[in-house]
Amino acid sequence: MSDPERPKRSSASPPYLSQIVGDAIRDLTEKRLFELIQKEPVPQHLAIIMDGNRRFALSAGIGVKNGHEKGRDTLEELLDWCLELDIRVLTVYALSTENLSRPKEELDGLMDLFDRALRQIAVDERVHRHQIRVRVIGNRALLPPRVQEAIRIAESATEGYSRYRYNVALGYGGRDEIVEAIRALAREVRDGRMTPEEIDSAAVSRHLYTKDLPDPDLVFRTSGEERISNFLLWQSAYSELYFSEVLWPGLTRLEFLRAIRAFQLRRRRYGT
């Protein structure tokens, strides 16, 4: 005979138990991936297309400005993950020339974000401890004076460093970059400093924003879109590409490690 005072035992697991198990599996997977990654070469130059802030904001119901703020927080974490793996060059696509056609309210919020973030970089203890040289690539004339001043402050504060390189693409367009390189070469030919026959790929590379950097080994894009959207067009000719379904603000360390491990497992081919 059953005891009416004794509560019935539920066959379902407590709600928090599945979360605990999930977190444990994630942690174990991260640990194993990290151990495997440490045994193989990592990308010397990682380029990131940070896509999905607005869609993340819409899905979370938090407003576009807050979506960009969340994206900024993810970028802060990404820098730590790259330092952890000793990835020496990181280039992030923060604002394209096409993005400049977005609504004024959104652009104003983005410029405020860039202004604050760049000024914070100049005094970031992590940046100075790891000797990270910060540089902005793109057409600065397209940016407001306050952002141009913030760029100057960040670059001046880190110009003596060379251990790591952190490049932020602002007002950047790959086609525009190549056109500017062609114009510079045309001026050199006009001035008699070189002949048309002397123009080769190395000559073009010397006139790019990234002239003193290795080409990216891996271009990693979030949000599920599978294109490079006018980002490092010349430099990524032989880069490996990795596309993730995760929206940028939702990127986790585990997904980042998966991208690096996927790169390590590929056999790189240079035109063969």
C-alpha atoms as a PDB file:
ATOM      1  CA  MET A   1       0.000   0.000   0.000  1.00  0.00           C
ATOM      2  CA  SER A   2       1.454   3.364  -0.998  1.00  0.00           C
ATOM      3  CA  ASP A   3       2.312   6.024   1.573  1.00  0.00           C
ATOM      4  CA  PRO A   4       0.245   9.173   0.832  1.00  0.00           C
ATOM      5  CA  GLU A   5       2.742  11.310   2.768  1.00  0.00           C
ATOM      6  CA  ARG A   6       5.749  10.286   0.663  1.00  0.00           C
ATOM      7  CA  PRO A   7       6.283  12.442  -2.476  1.00  0.00           C
ATOM      8  CA  LYS A   8       6.391  10.577  -5.734  1.00  0.00           C
ATOM      9  CA  ARG A   9       9.840  10.283  -7.319  1.00  0.00           C
ATOM     10  CA  SER A  10      10.011  11.905 -10.718  1.00  0.00           C
ATOM     11  CA  SER A  11      11.681   9.962 -13.503  1.00  0.00           C
ATOM     12  CA  ALA A  12      12.753  13.228 -15.154  1.00  0.00           C
ATOM     13  CA  SER A  13      16.182  14.710 -14.408  1.00  0.00           C
ATOM     14  CA  PRO A  14      16.256  18.031 -12.544  1.00  0.00           C
ATOM     15  CA  PRO A  15      16.305  20.944 -15.013  1.00  0.00           C
ATOM     16  CA  TYR A  16      19.801  21.953 -13.969  1.00  0.00           C
ATOM     17  CA  LEU A  17      21.275  18.467 -14.413  1.00  0.00           C
ATOM     18  CA  SER A  18      21.249  18.567 -18.222  1.00  0.00           C
ATOM     19  CA  GLN A  19      23.007  21.935 -18.074  1.00  0.00           C
ATOM     20  CA  ILE A  20      25.688  20.528 -15.768  1.00  0.00           C
ATOM     21  CA  VAL A  21      26.230  17.553 -18.076  1.00  0.00           C
ATOM     22  CA  GLY A  22      26.306  19.789 -21.137  1.00  0.00           C
ATOM     23  CA  ASP A  23      28.858  22.113 -19.564  1.00  0.00           C
ATOM     24  CA  ALA A  24      31.029  19.170 -18.546  1.00  0.00           C
ATOM     25  CA  ILE A  25      30.998  17.742 -22.080  1.00  0.00           C
ATOM     26  CA  ARG A  26      31.832  21.157 -23.506  1.00  0.00           C
ATOM     27  CA  ASP A  27      34.709  21.626 -21.089  1.00  0.00           C
ATOM     28  CA  LEU A  28      36.137  18.188 -21.878  1.00  0.00           C
ATOM     29  CA  THR A  29      35.823  18.830 -25.626  1.00  0.00           C
ATOM     30  CA  GLU A  30      37.553  22.200 -25.284  1.00  0.00           C
ATOM     31  CA  LYS A  31      40.357  20.653 -23.254  1.00  0.00           C
ATOM     32  CA  ARG A  32      40.904  17.847 -25.762  1.00  0.00           C
ATOM     33  CA  LEU A  33      40.850  20.229 -28.733  1.00  0.00           C
ATOM     34  CA  PHE A  34      43.292  22.570 -27.039  1.00  0.00           C
ATOM     35  CA  GLU A  35      45.682  19.683 -26.355  1.00  0.00           C
ATOM     36  CA  LEU A  36      45.509  18.547 -29.987  1.00  0.00           C
ATOM     37  CA  ILE A  37      45.988  22.076 -31.316  1.00  0.00           C
ATOM     38  CA  GLN A  38      49.116  22.576 -29.236  1.00  0.00           C
ATOM     39  CA  LYS A  39      50.766  19.651 -31.045  1.00  0.00           C
ATOM     40  CA  GLU A  40      50.420  21.211 -34.520  1.00  0.00           C
ATOM     41  CA  PRO A  41      51.311  24.582 -36.079  1.00  0.00           C
ATOM     42  CA  VAL A  42      48.638  27.237 -35.660  1.00  0.00           C
ATOM     43  CA  PRO A  43      47.882  29.979 -38.215  1.00  0.00           C
ATOM     44  CA  GLN A  44      50.564  32.644 -38.183  1.00  0.00           C
ATOM     45  CA  HIS A  45      48.006  35.163 -39.423  1.00  0.00           C
ATOM     46  CA  LEU A  46      44.310  34.758 -38.617  1.00  0.00           C
ATOM     47  CA  ALA A  47      41.771  37.017 -40.341  1.00  0.00           C
ATOM     48  CA  ILE A  48      38.237  37.262 -38.964  1.00  0.00           C
ATOM     49  CA  ILE A  49      35.053  38.487 -40.642  1.00  0.00           C
ATOM     50  CA  MET A  50      32.928  39.393 -37.632  1.00  0.00           C
ATOM     51  CA  ASP A  51      29.430  38.979 -39.052  1.00  0.00           C
ATOM     52  CA  GLY A  52      26.079  38.713 -37.320  1.00  0.00           C
ATOM     53  CA  ASN A  53      25.810  41.491 -34.733  1.00  0.00           C
ATOM     54  CA  ARG A  54      22.509  42.813 -36.056  1.00  0.00           C
ATOM     55  CA  ARG A  55      20.939  39.367 -36.477  1.00  0.00           C
ATOM     56  CA  PHE A  56      22.060  38.453 -32.968  1.00  0.00           C
ATOM     57  CA  ALA A  57      20.465  41.619 -31.622  1.00  0.00           C
ATOM     58  CA  LEU A  58      17.217  40.873 -33.456  1.00  0.00           C
ATOM     59  CA  SER A  59      17.063  37.288 -32.212  1.00  0.00           C
ATOM     60  CA  ALA A  60      17.857  38.377 -28.644  1.00  0.00           C
ATOM     61  CA  GLY A  61      15.528  41.385 -28.728  1.00  0.00           C
ATOM     62  CA  ILE A  62      18.219  43.726 -27.424  1.00  0.00           C
ATOM     63  CA  GLY A  63      18.516  46.437 -30.077  1.00  0.00           C
ATOM     64  CA  VAL A  64      21.197  46.862 -32.725  1.00  0.00           C
ATOM     65  CA  LYS A  65      23.449  49.062 -30.561  1.00  0.00           C
ATOM     66  CA  ASN A  66      23.559  46.407 -27.858  1.00  0.00           C
ATOM     67  CA  GLY A  67      24.253  43.781 -30.507  1.00  0.00           C
ATOM     68  CA  HIS A  68      27.367  45.684 -31.529  1.00  0.00           C
ATOM     69  CA  GLU A  69      28.364  46.020 -27.866  1.00  0.00           C
ATOM     70  CA  LYS A  70      28.046  42.251 -27.464  1.00  0.00           C
ATOM     71  CA  GLY A  71      30.201  41.858 -30.563  1.00  0.00           C
ATOM     72  CA  ARG A  72      32.836  44.079 -28.967  1.00  0.00           C
ATOM     73  CA  ASP A  73      32.840  41.839 -25.897  1.00  0.00           C
ATOM     74  CA  THR A  74      33.376  38.775 -28.093  1.00  0.00           C
ATOM     75  CA  LEU A  75      36.313  40.483 -29.770  1.00  0.00           C
ATOM     76  CA  GLU A  76      37.887  41.066 -26.361  1.00  0.00           C
ATOM     77  CA  GLU A  77      37.617  37.336 -25.675  1.00  0.00           C
ATOM     78  CA  LEU A  78      38.967  36.468 -29.113  1.00  0.00           C
ATOM     79  CA  LEU A  79      42.146  38.391 -28.449  1.00  0.00           C
ATOM     80  CA  ASP A  80      42.691  36.306 -25.305  1.00  0.00           C
ATOM     81  CA  TRP A  81      42.097  33.079 -27.235  1.00  0.00           C
ATOM     82  CA  CYS A  82      44.640  34.083 -29.893  1.00  0.00           C
ATOM     83  CA  LEU A  83      47.238  34.949 -27.250  1.00  0.00           C
ATOM     84  CA  GLU A  84      46.571  31.599 -25.590  1.00  0.00           C
ATOM     85  CA  LEU A  85      47.449  29.789 -28.837  1.00  0.00           C
ATOM     86  CA  ASP A  86      50.290  32.182 -29.704  1.00  0.00           C
ATOM     87  CA  ILE A  87      48.693  33.346 -32.953  1.00  0.00           C
ATOM     88  CA  ARG A  88      51.001  36.226 -33.803  1.00  0.00           C
ATOM     89  CA  VAL A  89      48.907  38.240 -36.284  1.00  0.00           C
ATOM     90  CA  LEU A  90      45.172  38.915 -35.962  1.00  0.00           C
ATOM     91  CA  THR A  91      43.219  41.023 -38.450  1.00  0.00           C
ATOM     92  CA  VAL A  92      39.530  41.714 -37.852  1.00  0.00           C
ATOM     93  CA  TYR A  93      36.988  43.167 -40.268  1.00  0.00           C
ATOM     94  CA  ALA A  94      35.187  45.775 -38.176  1.00  0.00           C
ATOM     95  CA  LEU A  95      33.689  48.166 -40.769  1.00  0.00           C
ATOM     96  CA  SER A  96      33.647  47.869 -44.536  1.00  0.00           C
ATOM     97  CA  THR A  97      33.220  50.707 -47.012  1.00  0.00           C
ATOM     98  CA  GLU A  98      29.808  49.198 -47.819  1.00  0.00           C
ATOM     99  CA  ASN A  99      28.816  49.394 -44.136  1.00  0.00           C
ATOM    100  CA  LEU A 100      29.088  53.183 -44.352  1.00  0.00           C
ATOM    101  CA  SER A 101      25.709  53.247 -46.107  1.00  0.00           C
ATOM    102  CA  ARG A 102      23.934  51.976 -42.979  1.00  0.00           C
ATOM    103  CA  PRO A 103      21.442  54.232 -41.127  1.00  0.00           C
ATOM    104  CA  LYS A 104      23.015  57.266 -39.436  1.00  0.00           C
ATOM    105  CA  GLU A 105      21.877  56.235 -35.954  1.00  0.00           C
ATOM    106  CA  GLU A 106      23.593  52.858 -36.270  1.00  0.00           C
ATOM    107  CA  LEU A 107      26.755  54.395 -37.726  1.00  0.00           C
ATOM    108  CA  ASP A 108      26.934  56.987 -34.949  1.00  0.00           C
ATOM    109  CA  GLY A 109      26.716  54.206 -32.390  1.00  0.00           C
ATOM    110  CA  LEU A 110      29.434  52.238 -34.161  1.00  0.00           C
ATOM    111  CA  MET A 111      31.727  55.261 -34.312  1.00  0.00           C
ATOM    112  CA  ASP A 112      31.223  55.850 -30.596  1.00  0.00           C
ATOM    113  CA  LEU A 113      32.111  52.200 -30.008  1.00  0.00           C
ATOM    114  CA  PHE A 114      35.269  52.411 -32.145  1.00  0.00           C
ATOM    115  CA  ASP A 115      36.270  55.660 -30.441  1.00  0.00           C
ATOM    116  CA  ARG A 116      36.012  54.136 -26.953  1.00  0.00           C
ATOM    117  CA  ALA A 117      37.542  50.796 -27.882  1.00  0.00           C
ATOM    118  CA  LEU A 118      40.619  52.302 -29.539  1.00  0.00           C
ATOM    119  CA  ARG A 119      41.275  54.645 -26.646  1.00  0.00           C
ATOM    120  CA  GLN A 120      40.941  51.721 -24.233  1.00  0.00           C
ATOM    121  CA  ILE A 121      43.441  49.709 -26.271  1.00  0.00           C
ATOM    122  CA  ALA A 122      46.047  52.397 -25.671  1.00  0.00           C
ATOM    123  CA  VAL A 123      45.909  51.746 -21.919  1.00  0.00           C
ATOM    124  CA  ASP A 124      45.060  48.026 -21.968  1.00  0.00           C
ATOM    125  CA  GLU A 125      47.510  46.246 -19.640  1.00  0.00           C
ATOM    126  CA  ARG A 126      47.209  43.089 -21.720  1.00  0.00           C
ATOM    127  CA  VAL A 127      48.280  44.913 -24.875  1.00  0.00           C
ATOM    128  CA  HIS A 128      51.408  46.290 -23.228  1.00  0.00           C
ATOM    129  CA  ARG A 129      52.276  43.097 -21.372  1.00  0.00           C
ATOM    130  CA  HIS A 130      52.177  41.042 -24.568  1.00  0.00           C
ATOM    131  CA  GLN A 131      53.719  43.815 -26.691  1.00  0.00           C
ATOM    132  CA  ILE A 132      50.905  43.943 -29.216  1.00  0.00           C
ATOM    133  CA  ARG A 133      51.239  46.475 -31.993  1.00  0.00           C
ATOM    134  CA  VAL A 134      47.827  47.846 -32.947  1.00  0.00           C
ATOM    135  CA  ARG A 135      47.128  49.252 -36.381  1.00  0.00           C
ATOM    136  CA  VAL A 136      44.016  50.314 -38.253  1.00  0.00           C
ATOM    137  CA  ILE A 137      43.834  49.522 -41.963  1.00  0.00           C
ATOM    138  CA  GLY A 138      41.421  51.212 -44.354  1.00  0.00           C
ATOM    139  CA  ASN A 139      40.527  54.647 -45.661  1.00  0.00           C
ATOM    140  CA  ARG A 140      40.708  56.809 -42.529  1.00  0.00           C
ATOM    141  CA  ALA A 141      39.381  59.829 -44.386  1.00  0.00           C
ATOM    142  CA  LEU A 142      35.977  58.122 -44.349  1.00  0.00           C
ATOM    143  CA  LEU A 143      35.925  58.104 -40.538  1.00  0.00           C
ATOM    144  CA  PRO A 144      34.923  60.950 -38.179  1.00  0.00           C
ATOM    145  CA  PRO A 145      37.747  63.086 -36.708  1.00  0.00           C
ATOM    146  CA  ARG A 146      37.200  61.661 -33.215  1.00  0.00           C
ATOM    147  CA  VAL A 147      37.782  58.115 -34.512  1.00  0.00           C
ATOM    148  CA  GLN A 148      40.839  59.233 -36.476  1.00  0.00           C
ATOM    149  CA  GLU A 149      42.229  60.733 -33.257  1.00  0.00           C
ATOM    150  CA  ALA A 150      41.489  57.524 -31.341  1.00  0.00           C
ATOM    151  CA  ILE A 151      43.365  55.585 -34.039  1.00  0.00           C
ATOM    152  CA  ARG A 152      46.360  57.876 -33.646  1.00  0.00           C
ATOM    153  CA  ILE A 153      46.342  57.369 -29.869  1.00  0.00           C
ATOM    154  CA  ALA A 154      46.139  53.558 -30.106  1.00  0.00           C
ATOM    155  CA  GLU A 155      48.809  53.304 -32.785  1.00  0.00           C
ATOM    156  CA  SER A 156      51.180  55.723 -31.064  1.00  0.00           C
ATOM    157  CA  ALA A 157      50.874  53.868 -27.752  1.00  0.00           C
ATOM    158  CA  THR A 158      51.882  50.557 -29.356  1.00  0.00           C
ATOM    159  CA  GLU A 159      54.120  51.522 -32.284  1.00  0.00           C
ATOM    160  CA  GLY A 160      57.259  50.207 -30.560  1.00  0.00           C
ATOM    161  CA  TYR A 161      55.893  46.685 -30.203  1.00  0.00           C
ATOM    162  CA  SER A 162      56.401  43.800 -32.619  1.00  0.00           C
ATOM    163  CA  ARG A 163      55.753  40.552 -30.758  1.00  0.00           C
ATOM    164  CA  TYR A 164      52.093  40.418 -31.804  1.00  0.00           C
ATOM    165  CA  ARG A 165      50.152  42.351 -34.434  1.00  0.00           C
ATOM    166  CA  TYR A 166      46.518  43.331 -34.061  1.00  0.00           C
ATOM    167  CA  ASN A 167      44.963  44.952 -37.132  1.00  0.00           C
ATOM    168  CA  VAL A 168      41.487  46.461 -37.222  1.00  0.00           C
ATOM    169  CA  ALA A 169      39.956  47.024 -40.664  1.00  0.00           C
ATOM    170  CA  LEU A 170      37.861  50.217 -40.507  1.00  0.00           C
ATOM    171  CA  GLY A 171      36.463  51.892 -43.594  1.00  0.00           C
ATOM    172  CA  TYR A 172      38.132  49.061 -45.455  1.00  0.00           C
ATOM    173  CA  GLY A 173      37.445  47.699 -48.926  1.00  0.00           C
ATOM    174  CA  GLY A 174      39.621  45.125 -50.663  1.00  0.00           C
ATOM    175  CA  ARG A 175      38.966  46.459 -54.151  1.00  0.00           C
ATOM    176  CA  ASP A 176      39.716  50.025 -53.066  1.00  0.00           C
ATOM    177  CA  GLU A 177      42.979  48.832 -51.519  1.00  0.00           C
ATOM    178  CA  ILE A 178      44.049  47.196 -54.803  1.00  0.00           C
ATOM    179  CA  VAL A 179      43.021  50.259 -56.832  1.00  0.00           C
ATOM    180  CA  GLU A 180      45.154  52.470 -54.569  1.00  0.00           C
ATOM    181  CA  ALA A 181      48.107  50.114 -55.066  1.00  0.00           C
ATOM    182  CA  ILE A 182      47.667  50.336 -58.849  1.00  0.00           C
ATOM    183  CA  ARG A 183      47.591  54.130 -58.684  1.00  0.00           C
ATOM    184  CA  ALA A 184      50.782  54.177 -56.624  1.00  0.00           C
ATOM    185  CA  LEU A 185      52.516  51.919 -59.156  1.00  0.00           C
ATOM    186  CA  ALA A 186      51.258  54.078 -62.025  1.00  0.00           C
ATOM    187  CA  ARG A 187      52.815  57.134 -60.367  1.00  0.00           C
ATOM    188  CA  GLU A 188      56.128  55.296 -60.007  1.00  0.00           C
ATOM    189  CA  VAL A 189      56.076  54.396 -63.713  1.00  0.00           C
ATOM    190  CA  ARG A 190      55.135  57.972 -64.637  1.00  0.00           C
ATOM    191  CA  ASP A 191      58.011  59.324 -62.546  1.00  0.00           C
ATOM    192  CA  GLY A 192      60.490  56.912 -64.119  1.00  0.00           C
ATOM    193  CA  ARG A 193      61.142  54.966 -60.914  1.00  0.00           C
ATOM    194  CA  MET A 194      60.131  51.667 -62.507  1.00  0.00           C
ATOM    195  CA  THR A 195      59.006  50.252 -65.839  1.00  0.00           C
ATOM    196  CA  PRO A 196      55.688  48.515 -66.526  1.00  0.00           C
ATOM    197  CA  GLU A 197      57.603  45.254 -66.991  1.00  0.00           C
ATOM    198  CA  GLU A 198      58.906  45.494 -63.431  1.00  0.00           C
ATOM    199  CA  ILE A 199      55.402  45.394 -61.962  1.00  0.00           C
ATOM    200  CA  ASP A 200      54.786  42.008 -60.391  1.00  0.00           C
ATOM    201  CA  SER A 201      52.810  40.594 -57.466  1.00  0.00           C
ATOM    202  CA  ALA A 202      55.526  41.613 -55.011  1.00  0.00           C
ATOM    203  CA  ALA A 203      55.329  45.204 -56.276  1.00  0.00           C
ATOM    204  CA  VAL A 204      51.578  45.249 -55.721  1.00  0.00           C
ATOM    205  CA  SER A 205      51.950  43.770 -52.227  1.00  0.00           C
ATOM    206  CA  ARG A 206      54.402  46.531 -51.290  1.00  0.00           C
ATOM    207  CA  HIS A 207      51.623  49.083 -51.713  1.00  0.00           C
ATOM    208  CA  LEU A 208      48.940  47.321 -49.664  1.00  0.00           C
ATOM    209  CA  TYR A 209      47.958  48.179 -46.090  1.00  0.00           C
ATOM    210  CA  THR A 210      49.421  44.829 -45.045  1.00  0.00           C
ATOM    211  CA  LYS A 211      52.757  45.272 -46.815  1.00  0.00           C
ATOM    212  CA  ASP A 212      54.775  44.292 -43.737  1.00  0.00           C
ATOM    213  CA  LEU A 213      52.599  41.332 -42.744  1.00  0.00           C
ATOM    214  CA  PRO A 214      52.352  37.726 -43.927  1.00  0.00           C
ATOM    215  CA  ASP A 215      49.228  36.848 -45.892  1.00  0.00           C
ATOM    216  CA  PRO A 216      46.470  35.303 -43.758  1.00  0.00           C
ATOM    217  CA  ASP A 217      46.692  31.542 -43.342  1.00  0.00           C
ATOM    218  CA  LEU A 218      43.059  31.291 -42.272  1.00  0.00           C
ATOM    219  CA  VAL A 219      40.060  33.509 -43.000  1.00  0.00           C
ATOM    220  CA  PHE A 220      37.276  32.724 -40.538  1.00  0.00           C
ATOM    221  CA  ARG A 221      33.748  34.086 -40.985  1.00  0.00           C
ATOM    222  CA  THR A 222      30.802  33.790 -38.630  1.00  0.00           C
ATOM    223  CA  SER A 223      27.028  33.993 -39.292  1.00  0.00           C
ATOM    224  CA  GLY A 224      26.706  31.215 -41.870  1.00  0.00           C
ATOM    225  CA  GLU A 225      27.483  33.418 -44.888  1.00  0.00           C
ATOM    226  CA  GLU A 226      30.044  31.797 -47.184  1.00  0.00           C
ATOM    227  CA  ARG A 227      31.820  34.673 -48.896  1.00  0.00           C
ATOM    228  CA  ILE A 228      34.684  37.025 -48.038  1.00  0.00           C
ATOM    229  CA  SER A 229      32.820  40.272 -48.798  1.00  0.00           C
ATOM    230  CA  ASN A 230      35.639  42.419 -50.174  1.00  0.00           C
ATOM    231  CA  PHE A 231      38.005  41.527 -47.314  1.00  0.00           C
ATOM    232  CA  LEU A 232      41.739  41.089 -48.005  1.00  0.00           C
ATOM    233  CA  LEU A 233      41.038  40.092 -51.602  1.00  0.00           C
ATOM    234  CA  TRP A 234      44.668  40.108 -52.721  1.00  0.00           C
ATOM    235  CA  GLN A 235      46.094  38.702 -49.502  1.00  0.00           C
ATOM    236  CA  SER A 236      43.698  35.773 -49.171  1.00  0.00           C
ATOM    237  CA  ALA A 237      44.428  34.208 -52.567  1.00  0.00           C
ATOM    238  CA  TYR A 238      45.748  31.038 -50.906  1.00  0.00           C
ATOM    239  CA  SER A 239      44.151  31.345 -47.480  1.00  0.00           C
ATOM    240  CA  GLU A 240      42.135  28.521 -45.998  1.00  0.00           C
ATOM    241  CA  LEU A 241      38.494  29.506 -45.424  1.00  0.00           C
ATOM    242  CA  TYR A 242      36.319  28.463 -42.496  1.00  0.00           C
ATOM    243  CA  PHE A 243      32.656  29.373 -42.145  1.00  0.00           C
ATOM    244  CA  SER A 244      30.683  29.035 -38.933  1.00  0.00           C
ATOM    245  CA  GLU A 245      26.916  29.175 -38.452  1.00  0.00           C
ATOM    246  CA  VAL A 246      27.390  31.013 -35.142  1.00  0.00           C
ATOM    247  CA  LEU A 247      26.524  34.713 -35.111  1.00  0.00           C
ATOM    248  CA  TRP A 248      29.546  36.783 -34.084  1.00  0.00           C
ATOM    249  CA  PRO A 249      28.422  37.823 -30.560  1.00  0.00           C
ATOM    250  CA  GLY A 250      27.617  34.180 -29.834  1.00  0.00           C
ATOM    251  CA  LEU A 251      31.044  32.846 -30.793  1.00  0.00           C
ATOM    252  CA  THR A 252      32.457  30.558 -28.101  1.00  0.00           C
ATOM    253  CA  ARG A 253      35.961  29.386 -27.325  1.00  0.00           C
ATOM    254  CA  LEU A 254      34.904  25.896 -28.394  1.00  0.00           C
ATOM    255  CA  GLU A 255      33.812  27.058 -31.852  1.00  0.00           C
ATOM    256  CA  PHE A 256      37.021  29.068 -32.180  1.00  0.00           C
ATOM    257  CA  LEU A 257      39.099  26.001 -31.333  1.00  0.00           C
ATOM    258  CA  ARG A 258      37.149  23.940 -33.863  1.00  0.00           C
ATOM    259  CA  ALA A 259      38.072  26.449 -36.572  1.00  0.00           C
ATOM    260  CA  ILE A 260      41.763  26.293 -35.672  1.00  0.00           C
ATOM    261  CA  ARG A 261      41.705  22.503 -35.542  1.00  0.00           C
ATOM    262  CA  ALA A 262      39.942  22.337 -38.923  1.00  0.00           C
ATOM    263  CA  PHE A 263      42.747  24.481 -40.352  1.00  0.00           C
ATOM    264  CA  GLN A 264      45.370  22.125 -38.931  1.00  0.00           C
ATOM    265  CA  LEU A 265      43.715  19.084 -40.494  1.00  0.00           C
ATOM    266  CA  ARG A 266      43.713  20.545 -44.003  1.00  0.00           C
ATOM    267  CA  ARG A 267      46.436  19.953 -46.524  1.00  0.00           C
ATOM    268  CA  ARG A 268      47.304  23.382 -47.839  1.00  0.00           C
ATOM    269  CA  ARG A 269      47.728  23.676 -51.585  1.00  0.00           C
ATOM    270  CA  TYR A 270      49.193  26.668 -53.371  1.00  0.00           C
ATOM    271  CA  GLY A 271      47.746  26.555 -56.868  1.00  0.00           C
ATOM    272  CA  THR A 272      48.002  22.768 -57.219  1.00  0.00           C
END
